[in-house]
């Protein structure tokens, strides 16, 4: 329990890779709350930010990852959508966006913009509605969502892609997230 407190004091002097962050999280022991605190302290110090989600978060049975997907949701609420968003690696991840919340809408809009460039039907298992509790399954994202997202409502989907446009992803990362990729 002393390691997270020490790292909080010196974290501004560190530069880490995502794999090093994962090793430190395992070093503090099995407490997921302590690991979550460590994640908050170190996220801004990781130089390969696009690797963090794949390196740190896993399913319940994935013993090689220090945190689980429910931890991701809690950290998302704590740190914000854009701090946790990885526009370089968007595939096969479930996204939720309350469109009246600016950050969540920006993330969803970035994925809609990306889908305009990347081939295929990119939005799978979509749920749309005025709020999460009333959202209904839709087969295809409606055309009016593909042009301009509404400023209210809820959408949930998985992004899939057969041919990535890395240049578009890098441009979005620079513009939306301030990354230098």
Protein backbone atom coordinates (compact mmCIF):
# COMPACT_ATOMS: atom_id res chain seq x y z
CA UNK A 1 0.00 0.00 0.00
CA UNK A 2 3.01 2.30 0.35
CA UNK A 3 4.05 1.94 -3.29
CA UNK A 4 1.04 3.83 -4.74
CA UNK A 5 1.61 6.69 -2.27
CA UNK A 6 5.30 6.88 -3.22
CA UNK A 7 4.49 6.71 -6.93
CA UNK A 8 1.93 9.49 -6.53
CA UNK A 9 4.71 11.74 -5.22
CA UNK A 10 7.27 10.89 -7.93
CA UNK A 11 5.03 9.97 -10.88
CA UNK A 12 5.61 13.33 -12.59
CA UNK A 13 9.25 12.31 -13.03
CA UNK A 14 8.49 8.92 -14.62
CA UNK A 15 8.17 7.88 -18.23
CA UNK A 16 6.78 4.36 -18.66
CA UNK A 17 5.65 1.91 -21.27
CA UNK A 18 2.27 0.22 -20.89
CA UNK A 19 3.96 -3.12 -20.13
CA UNK A 20 5.93 -1.49 -17.28
CA UNK A 21 2.70 -0.02 -15.93
CA UNK A 22 1.16 -3.52 -15.95
CA UNK A 23 4.18 -4.92 -14.04
CA UNK A 24 3.91 -2.19 -11.38
CA UNK A 25 0.20 -2.92 -11.00
CA UNK A 26 0.95 -6.58 -10.33
CA UNK A 27 3.72 -5.57 -7.89
CA UNK A 28 1.29 -3.74 -5.58
CA UNK A 29 -0.62 -6.93 -4.86
CA UNK A 30 -4.07 -8.26 -5.73
CA UNK A 31 -6.16 -5.26 -4.61
CA UNK A 32 -7.96 -3.91 -7.67
CA UNK A 33 -8.72 -0.63 -5.88
CA UNK A 34 -4.99 -0.06 -5.28
CA UNK A 35 -4.27 -1.03 -8.88
CA UNK A 36 -6.92 1.43 -10.05
CA UNK A 37 -5.29 4.21 -8.01
CA UNK A 38 -1.97 3.33 -9.59
CA UNK A 39 -3.58 3.50 -13.04
CA UNK A 40 -4.83 7.02 -12.31
CA UNK A 41 -1.37 8.12 -11.11
CA UNK A 42 0.53 6.65 -14.04
CA UNK A 43 -1.76 6.99 -17.08
CA UNK A 44 -0.39 10.39 -18.08
CA UNK A 45 3.16 9.09 -17.73
CA UNK A 46 2.82 6.25 -20.26
CA UNK A 47 4.48 7.03 -23.57
CA UNK A 48 2.75 4.28 -25.60
CA UNK A 49 -0.76 5.31 -24.54
CA UNK A 50 -2.40 3.41 -27.38
CA UNK A 51 -1.21 0.12 -25.81
CA UNK A 52 -2.62 0.74 -22.32
CA UNK A 53 -6.13 -0.67 -22.74
CA UNK A 54 -4.91 -3.91 -24.33
CA UNK A 55 -2.10 -4.26 -21.80
CA UNK A 56 -4.01 -3.51 -18.60
CA UNK A 57 -7.70 -4.50 -18.95
CA UNK A 58 -9.00 -8.04 -19.41
CA UNK A 59 -11.96 -10.28 -18.78
CA UNK A 60 -12.51 -11.97 -15.40
CA UNK A 61 -10.61 -15.11 -16.40
CA UNK A 62 -7.66 -13.24 -17.92
CA UNK A 63 -5.00 -13.59 -15.23
CA UNK A 64 -2.38 -11.75 -17.31
CA UNK A 65 -4.18 -8.41 -16.95
CA UNK A 66 -4.16 -6.48 -13.65
CA UNK A 67 -7.61 -4.90 -14.07
CA UNK A 68 -10.98 -6.13 -15.33
CA UNK A 69 -13.56 -4.57 -17.64
CA UNK A 70 -15.77 -3.39 -14.72
CA UNK A 71 -12.69 -1.51 -13.45
CA UNK A 72 -12.48 0.12 -16.88
CA UNK A 73 -16.03 1.42 -16.53
CA UNK A 74 -15.30 2.86 -13.07
CA UNK A 75 -12.11 4.55 -14.31
CA UNK A 76 -14.00 5.86 -17.34
CA UNK A 77 -16.43 7.64 -15.02
CA UNK A 78 -13.55 8.96 -12.94
CA UNK A 79 -11.11 10.10 -15.65
CA UNK A 80 -13.44 10.90 -18.52
CA UNK A 81 -14.20 9.36 -21.87
CA UNK A 82 -11.48 11.05 -23.91
CA UNK A 83 -8.75 10.26 -21.37
CA UNK A 84 -9.55 6.56 -21.80
CA UNK A 85 -10.36 6.62 -25.55
CA UNK A 86 -7.89 4.93 -27.89
CA UNK A 87 -8.65 6.07 -31.44
CA UNK A 88 -5.78 4.01 -32.87
CA UNK A 89 -7.18 0.68 -31.59
CA UNK A 90 -10.95 0.97 -31.74
CA UNK A 91 -11.90 -2.49 -32.99
CA UNK A 92 -13.85 -5.07 -31.05
CA UNK A 93 -14.57 -2.83 -28.11
CA UNK A 94 -18.01 -1.96 -26.77
CA UNK A 95 -18.67 1.79 -26.70
CA UNK A 96 -21.42 3.63 -24.83
CA UNK A 97 -22.21 7.30 -25.39
CA UNK A 98 -24.72 9.59 -23.75
CA UNK A 99 -24.95 12.14 -26.54
CA UNK A 100 -25.81 15.05 -24.26
CA UNK A 101 -22.37 14.69 -22.58
CA UNK A 102 -19.78 16.52 -24.66
CA UNK A 103 -16.86 14.08 -24.24
CA UNK A 104 -18.98 11.02 -24.96
CA UNK A 105 -20.50 12.67 -28.02
CA UNK A 106 -17.03 13.65 -29.30
CA UNK A 107 -15.86 10.05 -28.96
CA UNK A 108 -18.91 8.74 -30.81
CA UNK A 109 -18.54 11.43 -33.49
CA UNK A 110 -14.89 10.46 -33.99
CA UNK A 111 -15.95 6.86 -34.60
CA UNK A 112 -18.70 7.98 -37.01
CA UNK A 113 -16.12 10.10 -38.88
CA UNK A 114 -13.73 7.15 -38.97
CA UNK A 115 -16.46 4.85 -40.31
CA UNK A 116 -17.00 7.20 -43.25
CA UNK A 117 -13.43 6.45 -44.35
CA UNK A 118 -13.05 2.80 -43.35
CA UNK A 119 -14.82 0.25 -45.51
CA UNK A 120 -17.72 -1.95 -44.46
CA UNK A 121 -20.45 -1.85 -41.85
CA UNK A 122 -18.47 -0.64 -38.85
CA UNK A 123 -21.17 -0.45 -36.17
CA UNK A 124 -22.28 -3.81 -34.84
CA UNK A 125 -24.84 -4.67 -32.14
CA UNK A 126 -26.09 -1.08 -32.00
CA UNK A 127 -28.55 0.08 -29.37
CA UNK A 128 -30.11 3.52 -29.75
CA UNK A 129 -32.61 5.43 -27.68
CA UNK A 130 -33.38 8.52 -25.69
CA UNK A 131 -31.62 6.94 -22.69
CA UNK A 132 -29.81 3.72 -21.81
CA UNK A 133 -32.80 2.07 -20.15
CA UNK A 134 -35.02 2.52 -23.23
CA UNK A 135 -32.40 1.91 -25.94
CA UNK A 136 -33.45 -0.62 -28.56
CA UNK A 137 -31.38 -2.89 -30.74
CA UNK A 138 -30.99 -1.73 -34.36
CA UNK A 139 -29.50 -3.71 -37.21
CA UNK A 140 -27.77 -0.79 -38.95
CA UNK A 141 -26.85 2.66 -37.69
CA UNK A 142 -29.40 5.05 -39.28
CA UNK A 143 -28.18 7.42 -42.01
CA UNK A 144 -29.01 10.54 -40.01
CA UNK A 145 -26.62 9.31 -37.28
CA UNK A 146 -23.91 8.85 -39.91
CA UNK A 147 -24.18 12.48 -41.01
CA UNK A 148 -24.54 14.41 -37.74
CA UNK A 149 -25.06 12.85 -34.33
CA UNK A 150 -27.98 14.23 -32.33
CA UNK A 151 -27.12 16.26 -29.23
CA UNK A 152 -29.29 14.09 -26.99
CA UNK A 153 -29.91 10.38 -26.63
CA UNK A 154 -27.91 7.24 -26.04
CA UNK A 155 -25.99 4.93 -28.34
CA UNK A 156 -24.10 1.73 -27.67
CA UNK A 157 -22.18 -0.27 -30.25
CA UNK A 158 -19.14 -2.33 -31.09
CA UNK A 159 -16.82 -0.90 -33.75
CA UNK A 160 -15.46 -3.38 -36.30
CA UNK A 161 -13.30 -2.81 -39.35
CA UNK A 162 -11.88 -4.93 -42.14
CA UNK A 163 -9.49 -2.31 -43.58
CA UNK A 164 -8.07 0.28 -41.20
CA UNK A 165 -7.20 3.81 -42.27
CA UNK A 166 -4.24 4.45 -39.99
CA UNK A 167 -3.68 7.94 -41.43
CA UNK A 168 -7.25 8.93 -40.50
CA UNK A 169 -6.83 7.39 -37.05
CA UNK A 170 -3.57 9.28 -36.49
CA UNK A 171 -5.21 12.52 -37.65
CA UNK A 172 -8.10 11.98 -35.22
CA UNK A 173 -5.64 11.15 -32.42
CA UNK A 174 -3.77 14.40 -33.02
CA UNK A 175 -6.90 16.52 -33.39
CA UNK A 176 -9.12 15.01 -30.69
CA UNK A 177 -6.67 13.72 -28.10
CA UNK A 178 -3.55 15.82 -28.65
CA UNK A 179 -1.42 12.75 -29.35
CA UNK A 180 1.83 13.09 -31.27
CA UNK A 181 1.52 10.10 -33.59
